[in-house]
Amino acid sequence: MATILVTGGARGLGRVAAEKLARQGHEVLLAARTQDQAVATIAEIAAKSPTARLEPCHVDLASLASVRQLAEAVLQRGRPLDVLLNVAGLMPTDPARQVSRDGFRS
C-alpha cells in the first residue's frame, strides 16, 4: 500500500480523503495547521477504523519554513512518500489583501 501525505487533513475534503485512504489500508500522514488538530482527527478516525495507519503532521502552508520542516520530517522517516494530496485551502473571511510572513499573498 502507498504512503500518502494529505494536507488539510483535519477538516472537510482532506479529512474525508484521509479517512477513506486509511480505511483502504494506506499509510496516511495527516497534515494540519496545528499538531493538536492532527492528533484529534487521527483519534476520531482511529475510533472508527482501529487498524488505520495514521501519523499526525503539523504544517502551516503560509510559512515556507514550516513547509521545509515538514519535508525534512518526512525525509527523516526513511521511507518514500508515494502520494502528496494537497487538499488544504483558504477561504478568507476578510476580502482585504493579506500577506504571509514570507511575503506571499494569503
C-alpha atoms as a PDB file:
ATOM      1  CA  MET A   1       0.000   0.000   0.000  1.00  0.00           C
ATOM      2  CA  ALA A   2       1.019   3.604  -0.535  1.00  0.00           C
ATOM      3  CA  THR A   3       2.247   6.221   1.906  1.00  0.00           C
ATOM      4  CA  ILE A   4       0.158   9.345   1.346  1.00  0.00           C
ATOM      5  CA  LEU A   5       0.604  12.847   2.786  1.00  0.00           C
ATOM      6  CA  VAL A   6      -2.731  14.680   2.952  1.00  0.00           C
ATOM      7  CA  THR A   7      -2.608  18.429   3.566  1.00  0.00           C
ATOM      8  CA  GLY A   8      -5.716  19.918   5.117  1.00  0.00           C
ATOM      9  CA  GLY A   9      -6.411  16.524   6.665  1.00  0.00           C
ATOM     10  CA  ALA A  10      -8.171  17.790   9.783  1.00  0.00           C
ATOM     11  CA  ARG A  11     -11.314  19.102   8.114  1.00  0.00           C
ATOM     12  CA  GLY A  12     -13.556  18.955   5.108  1.00  0.00           C
ATOM     13  CA  LEU A  13     -12.439  17.120   1.984  1.00  0.00           C
ATOM     14  CA  GLY A  14      -8.966  16.495   3.393  1.00  0.00           C
ATOM     15  CA  ARG A  15     -10.395  14.696   6.402  1.00  0.00           C
ATOM     16  CA  VAL A  16     -12.743  12.594   4.270  1.00  0.00           C
ATOM     17  CA  ALA A  17      -9.896  11.711   1.911  1.00  0.00           C
ATOM     18  CA  ALA A  18      -7.562  10.808   4.800  1.00  0.00           C
ATOM     19  CA  GLU A  19     -10.199   8.606   6.412  1.00  0.00           C
ATOM     20  CA  LYS A  20     -11.083   6.769   3.193  1.00  0.00           C
ATOM     21  CA  LEU A  21      -7.447   6.234   2.250  1.00  0.00           C
ATOM     22  CA  ALA A  22      -6.651   4.911   5.741  1.00  0.00           C
ATOM     23  CA  ARG A  23      -9.612   2.520   5.561  1.00  0.00           C
ATOM     24  CA  GLN A  24      -8.246   1.208   2.267  1.00  0.00           C
ATOM     25  CA  GLY A  25      -5.027   0.276   4.066  1.00  0.00           C
ATOM     26  CA  HIS A  26      -2.785   3.128   3.008  1.00  0.00           C
ATOM     27  CA  GLU A  27      -0.433   4.773   5.471  1.00  0.00           C
ATOM     28  CA  VAL A  28      -1.670   8.343   5.839  1.00  0.00           C
ATOM     29  CA  LEU A  29       0.395  11.273   7.058  1.00  0.00           C
ATOM     30  CA  LEU A  30      -2.331  13.671   8.134  1.00  0.00           C
ATOM     31  CA  ALA A  31      -1.089  17.255   7.938  1.00  0.00           C
ATOM     32  CA  ALA A  32      -2.969  20.029   9.695  1.00  0.00           C
ATOM     33  CA  ARG A  33      -2.272  23.604  10.687  1.00  0.00           C
ATOM     34  CA  THR A  34      -1.704  22.521  14.298  1.00  0.00           C
ATOM     35  CA  GLN A  35      -0.419  19.287  15.784  1.00  0.00           C
ATOM     36  CA  ASP A  36      -3.423  19.237  18.149  1.00  0.00           C
ATOM     37  CA  GLN A  37      -5.844  19.286  15.186  1.00  0.00           C
ATOM     38  CA  ALA A  38      -3.980  16.429  13.500  1.00  0.00           C
ATOM     39  CA  VAL A  39      -3.867  14.322  16.676  1.00  0.00           C
ATOM     40  CA  ALA A  40      -7.565  14.900  17.446  1.00  0.00           C
ATOM     41  CA  THR A  41      -8.602  13.992  13.899  1.00  0.00           C
ATOM     42  CA  ILE A  42      -6.497  10.839  13.957  1.00  0.00           C
ATOM     43  CA  ALA A  43      -8.095   9.798  17.250  1.00  0.00           C
ATOM     44  CA  GLU A  44     -11.562  10.200  15.745  1.00  0.00           C
ATOM     45  CA  ILE A  45     -10.639   8.222  12.619  1.00  0.00           C
ATOM     46  CA  ALA A  46      -8.903   5.503  14.663  1.00  0.00           C
ATOM     47  CA  ALA A  47     -12.022   5.105  16.813  1.00  0.00           C
ATOM     48  CA  LYS A  48     -13.918   4.071  13.664  1.00  0.00           C
ATOM     49  CA  SER A  49     -11.026   2.234  11.992  1.00  0.00           C
ATOM     50  CA  PRO A  50      -8.691   0.790  14.667  1.00  0.00           C
ATOM     51  CA  THR A  51      -6.299  -0.757  12.119  1.00  0.00           C
ATOM     52  CA  ALA A  52      -5.806   2.535  10.251  1.00  0.00           C
ATOM     53  CA  ARG A  53      -2.185   3.638   9.948  1.00  0.00           C
ATOM     54  CA  LEU A  54      -2.154   7.378  10.517  1.00  0.00           C
ATOM     55  CA  GLU A  55       0.573   9.783  11.577  1.00  0.00           C
ATOM     56  CA  PRO A  56      -0.014  13.409  12.612  1.00  0.00           C
ATOM     57  CA  CYS A  57       1.957  16.169  10.925  1.00  0.00           C
ATOM     58  CA  HIS A  58       1.999  19.895  11.546  1.00  0.00           C
ATOM     59  CA  VAL A  59       2.389  22.323   8.664  1.00  0.00           C
ATOM     60  CA  ASP A  60       1.482  25.955   8.223  1.00  0.00           C
ATOM     61  CA  LEU A  61       1.361  26.282   4.448  1.00  0.00           C
ATOM     62  CA  ALA A  62       1.644  30.072   4.724  1.00  0.00           C
ATOM     63  CA  SER A  63       5.176  29.582   6.069  1.00  0.00           C
ATOM     64  CA  LEU A  64       7.946  28.251   3.855  1.00  0.00           C
ATOM     65  CA  ALA A  65       9.934  27.400   6.988  1.00  0.00           C
ATOM     66  CA  SER A  66       7.066  25.200   8.205  1.00  0.00           C
ATOM     67  CA  VAL A  67       6.813  23.503   4.795  1.00  0.00           C
ATOM     68  CA  ARG A  68      10.557  22.823   4.868  1.00  0.00           C
ATOM     69  CA  GLN A  69      10.282  21.389   8.395  1.00  0.00           C
ATOM     70  CA  LEU A  70       7.552  19.008   7.276  1.00  0.00           C
ATOM     71  CA  ALA A  71       9.567  17.971   4.219  1.00  0.00           C
ATOM     72  CA  GLU A  72      12.569  17.257   6.442  1.00  0.00           C
ATOM     73  CA  ALA A  73      10.415  15.261   8.878  1.00  0.00           C
ATOM     74  CA  VAL A  74       9.063  13.162   6.014  1.00  0.00           C
ATOM     75  CA  LEU A  75      12.599  12.537   4.735  1.00  0.00           C
ATOM     76  CA  GLN A  76      13.758  11.563   8.230  1.00  0.00           C
ATOM     77  CA  ARG A  77      11.190   8.753   8.274  1.00  0.00           C
ATOM     78  CA  GLY A  78      13.475   6.955   5.815  1.00  0.00           C
ATOM     79  CA  ARG A  79      10.593   5.635   3.738  1.00  0.00           C
ATOM     80  CA  PRO A  80       9.399   7.028   0.413  1.00  0.00           C
ATOM     81  CA  LEU A  81       6.340   9.202   0.080  1.00  0.00           C
ATOM     82  CA  ASP A  82       4.202   7.790  -2.720  1.00  0.00           C
ATOM     83  CA  VAL A  83       1.490  10.433  -2.996  1.00  0.00           C
ATOM     84  CA  LEU A  84       1.133  14.089  -1.994  1.00  0.00           C
ATOM     85  CA  LEU A  85      -2.546  15.008  -1.817  1.00  0.00           C
ATOM     86  CA  ASN A  86      -2.827  18.796  -1.486  1.00  0.00           C
ATOM     87  CA  VAL A  87      -6.291  19.490  -0.151  1.00  0.00           C
ATOM     88  CA  ALA A  88      -5.565  22.425   2.173  1.00  0.00           C
ATOM     89  CA  GLY A  89      -7.374  25.528   1.112  1.00  0.00           C
ATOM     90  CA  LEU A  90      -8.057  29.036   2.235  1.00  0.00           C
ATOM     91  CA  MET A  91     -11.396  30.754   2.433  1.00  0.00           C
ATOM     92  CA  PRO A  92     -10.625  34.249   3.646  1.00  0.00           C
ATOM     93  CA  THR A  93     -13.407  35.851   5.635  1.00  0.00           C
ATOM     94  CA  ASP A  94     -11.789  39.248   5.148  1.00  0.00           C
ATOM     95  CA  PRO A  95     -11.571  40.255   1.470  1.00  0.00           C
ATOM     96  CA  ALA A  96      -8.684  42.638   2.272  1.00  0.00           C
ATOM     97  CA  ARG A  97      -5.318  41.584   0.916  1.00  0.00           C
ATOM     98  CA  GLN A  98      -3.238  39.709   3.468  1.00  0.00           C
ATOM     99  CA  VAL A  99       0.438  38.808   3.152  1.00  0.00           C
ATOM    100  CA  SER A 100       2.202  35.872   4.829  1.00  0.00           C
ATOM    101  CA  ARG A 101       5.445  36.159   6.804  1.00  0.00           C
ATOM    102  CA  ASP A 102       7.257  35.117   3.620  1.00  0.00           C
ATOM    103  CA  GLY A 103       5.661  37.939   1.603  1.00  0.00           C
ATOM    104  CA  PHE A 104       3.143  35.839  -0.309  1.00  0.00           C
ATOM    105  CA  ARG A 105      -0.486  36.771  -0.643  1.00  0.00           C
ATOM    106  CA  SER A 106      -2.563  34.502   1.561  1.00  0.00           C
END
